[in-house]
Structure formats: structure tokens, C-alpha cells
Amino acid sequence: MYPLGELTFQEAYEVFYQQTKALIEAGIDLIHIETMSDIKEAKVAVMYSSFVP
């Protein structure tokens, strides 16, 4: 993620939203967030995994 990479917080937010929404619609039972190299990436993953209906 920015500033170390090119991915912005907003772009990561949108990607995690799309992925989480698709998984929930497919009937997933559990979301497991593991090893990430950037705390902001982990933050956005947790945010969307808990807010997608």
C-alpha cells in the first residue's frame, strides 16, 4: 500500500469490499484474515469483513 506501493487505502477498501461481498453471497462461514505486511491493509480488511451485509 501507499507509500511503499501503489495501492491506495480507498482502492484496497473497494477490493476488500468486492471480495468479501462475493464470499458472503457464496455462503462462506468464516473470514480469516492472516499475515499482512501493512497495518493499514489489515485495518481495511477488518473494516470490510465486519461491515458487508
C-alpha atoms as a PDB file:
ATOM      1  CA  MET A   1       0.000   0.000   0.000  1.00  0.00           C
ATOM      2  CA  TYR A   2       0.985   3.602  -0.458  1.00  0.00           C
ATOM      3  CA  PRO A   3       3.618   4.954   0.335  1.00  0.00           C
ATOM      4  CA  LEU A   4       5.545   1.688  -0.106  1.00  0.00           C
ATOM      5  CA  GLY A   5       3.422   0.524  -3.041  1.00  0.00           C
ATOM      6  CA  GLU A   6       0.926   1.949  -5.485  1.00  0.00           C
ATOM      7  CA  LEU A   7      -2.319   0.761  -3.859  1.00  0.00           C
ATOM      8  CA  THR A   8      -4.235   3.499  -2.048  1.00  0.00           C
ATOM      9  CA  PHE A   9      -6.366   2.962   1.050  1.00  0.00           C
ATOM     10  CA  GLN A  10      -9.533   3.658  -0.966  1.00  0.00           C
ATOM     11  CA  GLU A  11      -8.566   1.133  -3.674  1.00  0.00           C
ATOM     12  CA  ALA A  12      -7.856  -1.511  -1.041  1.00  0.00           C
ATOM     13  CA  TYR A  13     -11.190  -0.682   0.602  1.00  0.00           C
ATOM     14  CA  GLU A  14     -13.045  -1.272  -2.675  1.00  0.00           C
ATOM     15  CA  VAL A  15     -11.198  -4.522  -3.431  1.00  0.00           C
ATOM     16  CA  PHE A  16     -11.830  -5.990   0.025  1.00  0.00           C
ATOM     17  CA  TYR A  17     -15.485  -4.950  -0.225  1.00  0.00           C
ATOM     18  CA  GLN A  18     -15.949  -6.754  -3.550  1.00  0.00           C
ATOM     19  CA  GLN A  19     -14.146  -9.868  -2.348  1.00  0.00           C
ATOM     20  CA  THR A  20     -15.967 -10.021   0.978  1.00  0.00           C
ATOM     21  CA  LYS A  21     -19.364  -9.415  -0.610  1.00  0.00           C
ATOM     22  CA  ALA A  22     -18.788 -12.214  -3.151  1.00  0.00           C
ATOM     23  CA  LEU A  23     -17.698 -14.630  -0.423  1.00  0.00           C
ATOM     24  CA  ILE A  24     -20.738 -13.852   1.738  1.00  0.00           C
ATOM     25  CA  GLU A  25     -23.092 -14.249  -1.227  1.00  0.00           C
ATOM     26  CA  ALA A  26     -21.478 -17.635  -1.920  1.00  0.00           C
ATOM     27  CA  GLY A  27     -22.297 -18.755   1.630  1.00  0.00           C
ATOM     28  CA  ILE A  28     -18.945 -18.507   3.375  1.00  0.00           C
ATOM     29  CA  ASP A  29     -18.995 -19.419   7.073  1.00  0.00           C
ATOM     30  CA  LEU A  30     -15.807 -17.720   8.234  1.00  0.00           C
ATOM     31  CA  ILE A  31     -13.490 -14.922   7.175  1.00  0.00           C
ATOM     32  CA  HIS A  32      -9.915 -15.474   8.305  1.00  0.00           C
ATOM     33  CA  ILE A  33      -7.563 -12.518   7.941  1.00  0.00           C
ATOM     34  CA  GLU A  34      -3.931 -13.516   8.240  1.00  0.00           C
ATOM     35  CA  THR A  35      -0.414 -12.311   7.576  1.00  0.00           C
ATOM     36  CA  MET A  36      -0.297  -8.830   6.074  1.00  0.00           C
ATOM     37  CA  SER A  37       2.758  -6.631   5.738  1.00  0.00           C
ATOM     38  CA  ASP A  38       0.974  -3.305   6.267  1.00  0.00           C
ATOM     39  CA  ILE A  39      -1.206  -2.414   9.254  1.00  0.00           C
ATOM     40  CA  LYS A  40      -3.401  -0.236   7.001  1.00  0.00           C
ATOM     41  CA  GLU A  41      -4.094  -3.249   4.781  1.00  0.00           C
ATOM     42  CA  ALA A  42      -5.123  -5.281   7.816  1.00  0.00           C
ATOM     43  CA  LYS A  43      -7.300  -2.403   9.037  1.00  0.00           C
ATOM     44  CA  VAL A  44      -9.212  -2.176   5.761  1.00  0.00           C
ATOM     45  CA  ALA A  45      -9.654  -5.970   5.645  1.00  0.00           C
ATOM     46  CA  VAL A  46     -11.167  -5.993   9.127  1.00  0.00           C
ATOM     47  CA  MET A  47     -13.345  -2.985   8.355  1.00  0.00           C
ATOM     48  CA  TYR A  48     -14.980  -4.561   5.341  1.00  0.00           C
ATOM     49  CA  SER A  49     -15.236  -8.049   6.700  1.00  0.00           C
ATOM     50  CA  SER A  50     -17.356  -6.661   9.519  1.00  0.00           C
ATOM     51  CA  PHE A  51     -19.491  -4.173   7.564  1.00  0.00           C
ATOM     52  CA  VAL A  52     -20.588  -6.079   4.460  1.00  0.00           C
ATOM     53  CA  PRO A  53     -24.172  -7.292   4.943  1.00  0.00           C
END
